[in-house]
C-alpha atoms as a PDB file:
ATOM      1  CA  MET A   1      31.463 -74.123  43.927  1.00  0.00           C
ATOM      2  CA  VAL A   2      33.783 -74.422  40.890  1.00  0.00           C
ATOM      3  CA  GLN A   3      36.996 -72.415  40.786  1.00  0.00           C
ATOM      4  CA  VAL A   4      38.212 -71.119  37.442  1.00  0.00           C
ATOM      5  CA  ASN A   5      41.817 -70.148  36.765  1.00  0.00           C
ATOM      6  CA  MET A   6      42.831 -68.137  33.721  1.00  0.00           C
ATOM      7  CA  GLU A   7      46.294 -68.961  32.449  1.00  0.00           C
ATOM      8  CA  THR A   8      48.110 -67.908  29.305  1.00  0.00           C
ATOM      9  CA  ILE A   9      49.782 -70.735  27.409  1.00  0.00           C
ATOM     10  CA  LYS A  10      52.331 -69.910  24.729  1.00  0.00           C
ATOM     11  CA  VAL A  11      52.299 -72.228  21.727  1.00  0.00           C
ATOM     12  CA  GLU A  12      55.160 -72.397  19.237  1.00  0.00           C
ATOM     13  CA  TYR A  13      55.017 -73.957  15.783  1.00  0.00           C
ATOM     14  CA  LYS A  14      57.834 -74.880  13.410  1.00  0.00           C
ATOM     15  CA  TRP A  15      55.721 -73.746  10.441  1.00  0.00           C
ATOM     16  CA  GLN A  16      54.430 -70.210  10.032  1.00  0.00           C
ATOM     17  CA  PRO A  17      51.543 -69.389   7.691  1.00  0.00           C
ATOM     18  CA  PRO A  18      52.201 -66.913   4.868  1.00  0.00           C
ATOM     19  CA  ARG A  19      51.455 -63.405   6.138  1.00  0.00           C
ATOM     20  CA  CYS A  20      51.330 -60.198   4.127  1.00  0.00           C
ATOM     21  CA  ASP A  21      52.761 -57.130   5.876  1.00  0.00           C
ATOM     22  CA  THR A  22      50.707 -54.767   3.697  1.00  0.00           C
ATOM     23  CA  PHE A  23      47.240 -56.234   4.336  1.00  0.00           C
ATOM     24  CA  LYS A  24      48.091 -57.864   7.709  1.00  0.00           C
ATOM     25  CA  ILE A  25      46.359 -61.121   6.757  1.00  0.00           C
ATOM     26  CA  PHE A  26      47.432 -64.766   6.514  1.00  0.00           C
ATOM     27  CA  ASP A  27      46.352 -65.269   2.917  1.00  0.00           C
ATOM     28  CA  HIS A  28      49.536 -64.571   0.962  1.00  0.00           C
ATOM     29  CA  ASN A  29      53.088 -63.436   1.574  1.00  0.00           C
ATOM     30  CA  ASP A  30      54.875 -60.266   0.467  1.00  0.00           C
ATOM     31  CA  ASP A  31      56.204 -61.846  -2.747  1.00  0.00           C
ATOM     32  CA  HIS A  32      52.687 -62.551  -4.079  1.00  0.00           C
ATOM     33  CA  CYS A  33      50.963 -59.406  -2.782  1.00  0.00           C
ATOM     34  CA  PRO A  34      48.576 -57.867  -5.372  1.00  0.00           C
ATOM     35  CA  LYS A  35      49.529 -54.383  -4.173  1.00  0.00           C
ATOM     36  CA  LYS A  36      53.199 -54.958  -4.910  1.00  0.00           C
ATOM     37  CA  VAL A  37      54.482 -52.846  -7.803  1.00  0.00           C
ATOM     38  CA  LYS A  38      55.515 -55.005 -10.733  1.00  0.00           C
ATOM     39  CA  VAL A  39      58.815 -54.133 -12.347  1.00  0.00           C
ATOM     40  CA  VAL A  40      58.451 -53.588 -16.104  1.00  0.00           C
ATOM     41  CA  ASN A  41      61.407 -54.421 -18.281  1.00  0.00           C
ATOM     42  CA  PRO A  42      62.362 -51.499 -20.527  1.00  0.00           C
ATOM     43  CA  THR A  43      61.737 -52.136 -24.211  1.00  0.00           C
ATOM     44  CA  MET A  44      64.685 -52.515 -26.505  1.00  0.00           C
ATOM     45  CA  THR A  45      65.236 -49.681 -28.974  1.00  0.00           C
ATOM     46  CA  ASN A  46      67.156 -49.979 -32.196  1.00  0.00           C
ATOM     47  CA  ASP A  47      69.842 -47.576 -33.294  1.00  0.00           C
ATOM     48  CA  ASP A  48      67.331 -45.675 -35.417  1.00  0.00           C
ATOM     49  CA  GLY A  49      65.051 -44.968 -32.412  1.00  0.00           C
ATOM     50  CA  PHE A  50      62.174 -47.309 -33.297  1.00  0.00           C
ATOM     51  CA  MET A  51      60.809 -49.785 -30.761  1.00  0.00           C
ATOM     52  CA  ASN A  52      59.822 -53.403 -31.396  1.00  0.00           C
ATOM     53  CA  ILE A  53      56.197 -54.188 -30.548  1.00  0.00           C
ATOM     54  CA  ASN A  54      55.364 -57.836 -29.911  1.00  0.00           C
ATOM     55  CA  GLN A  55      51.594 -57.527 -29.627  1.00  0.00           C
ATOM     56  CA  LYS A  56      49.187 -56.451 -32.375  1.00  0.00           C
ATOM     57  CA  TYR A  57      46.181 -54.380 -31.457  1.00  0.00           C
ATOM     58  CA  ARG A  58      42.659 -55.153 -32.647  1.00  0.00           C
ATOM     59  CA  LYS A  59      41.334 -53.248 -35.613  1.00  0.00           C
ATOM     60  CA  GLY A  60      38.437 -51.201 -34.284  1.00  0.00           C
ATOM     61  CA  LYS A  61      35.484 -52.529 -32.380  1.00  0.00           C
ATOM     62  CA  GLN A  62      34.490 -56.058 -33.299  1.00  0.00           C
ATOM     63  CA  PRO A  63      30.751 -56.744 -33.732  1.00  0.00           C
ATOM     64  CA  SER A  64      29.469 -58.917 -30.926  1.00  0.00           C
ATOM     65  CA  LYS A  65      27.091 -61.804 -31.445  1.00  0.00           C
ATOM     66  CA  PRO A  66      23.616 -61.367 -29.931  1.00  0.00           C
ATOM     67  CA  LYS A  67      23.086 -63.549 -26.889  1.00  0.00           C
ATOM     68  CA  HIS A  68      20.175 -65.947 -27.213  1.00  0.00           C
ATOM     69  CA  THR A  69      18.021 -66.473 -24.136  1.00  0.00           C
ATOM     70  CA  ASP A  70      15.155 -68.934 -24.083  1.00  0.00           C
ATOM     71  CA  GLY A  71      11.956 -67.357 -22.817  1.00  0.00           C
ATOM     72  CA  VAL A  72      13.571 -64.567 -20.807  1.00  0.00           C
ATOM     73  CA  ARG A  73      13.784 -61.011 -22.094  1.00  0.00           C
ATOM     74  CA  LEU A  74      16.652 -59.231 -20.417  1.00  0.00           C
ATOM     75  CA  THR A  75      15.774 -55.736 -21.642  1.00  0.00           C
ATOM     76  CA  LYS A  76      12.360 -54.159 -21.425  1.00  0.00           C
ATOM     77  CA  PRO A  77      10.911 -52.570 -24.556  1.00  0.00           C
ATOM     78  CA  LYS A  78      10.822 -48.787 -24.587  1.00  0.00           C
ATOM     79  CA  PRO A  79       7.351 -47.395 -23.852  1.00  0.00           C
ATOM     80  CA  ASN A  80       5.762 -45.353 -26.617  1.00  0.00           C
ATOM     81  CA  TYR A  81       4.381 -42.161 -25.115  1.00  0.00           C
ATOM     82  CA  TYR A  82       2.639 -39.700 -27.407  1.00  0.00           C
ATOM     83  CA  TYR A  83       0.948 -36.415 -26.553  1.00  0.00           C
ATOM     84  CA  HIS A  84      -2.679 -36.232 -27.691  1.00  0.00           C
ATOM     85  CA  SER A  85      -4.691 -33.137 -26.846  1.00  0.00           C
ATOM     86  CA  ILE A  86      -8.227 -33.926 -25.728  1.00  0.00           C
ATOM     87  CA  SER A  87     -10.850 -31.238 -26.037  1.00  0.00           C
ATOM     88  CA  LYS A  88     -13.642 -31.298 -23.470  1.00  0.00           C
ATOM     89  CA  PRO A  89     -17.177 -30.535 -24.575  1.00  0.00           C
ATOM     90  CA  ALA A  90     -18.437 -27.170 -23.351  1.00  0.00           C
ATOM     91  CA  SER A  91     -21.120 -27.358 -20.659  1.00  0.00           C
ATOM     92  CA  GLY A  92     -24.326 -25.460 -21.377  1.00  0.00           C
ATOM     93  CA  ASN A  93     -25.050 -23.564 -18.163  1.00  0.00           C
ATOM     94  CA  GLY A  94     -21.601 -23.061 -16.577  1.00  0.00           C
ATOM     95  CA  LYS A  95     -22.587 -24.787 -13.306  1.00  0.00           C
ATOM     96  CA  ALA A  96     -21.048 -27.930 -11.898  1.00  0.00           C
ATOM     97  CA  SER A  97     -23.030 -31.075 -12.430  1.00  0.00           C
ATOM     98  CA  THR A  98     -24.687 -32.717  -9.448  1.00  0.00           C
ATOM     99  CA  SER A  99     -25.278 -36.384  -9.243  1.00  0.00           C
END
């Protein structure tokens, strides 16, 4: 019969992997955490109260180019449903037909 002993062995390393305290994972450290609030520098104002803007905004919505796909239609055409009333011919004797 085989005897099995369970022992706990402590292992120490000189290097420690980067660990985030927020997510509790070893993927990134606290400095590069995506949940960390980024500090925004206040914008400089002139003496007259106006602010300098470094980025221009786009003028309205730009028309997009249609995407070309070879042989594959990505959107289905809309079905054309129309209401047509159909009148049934009147039966002569009022009884159900037997076949």
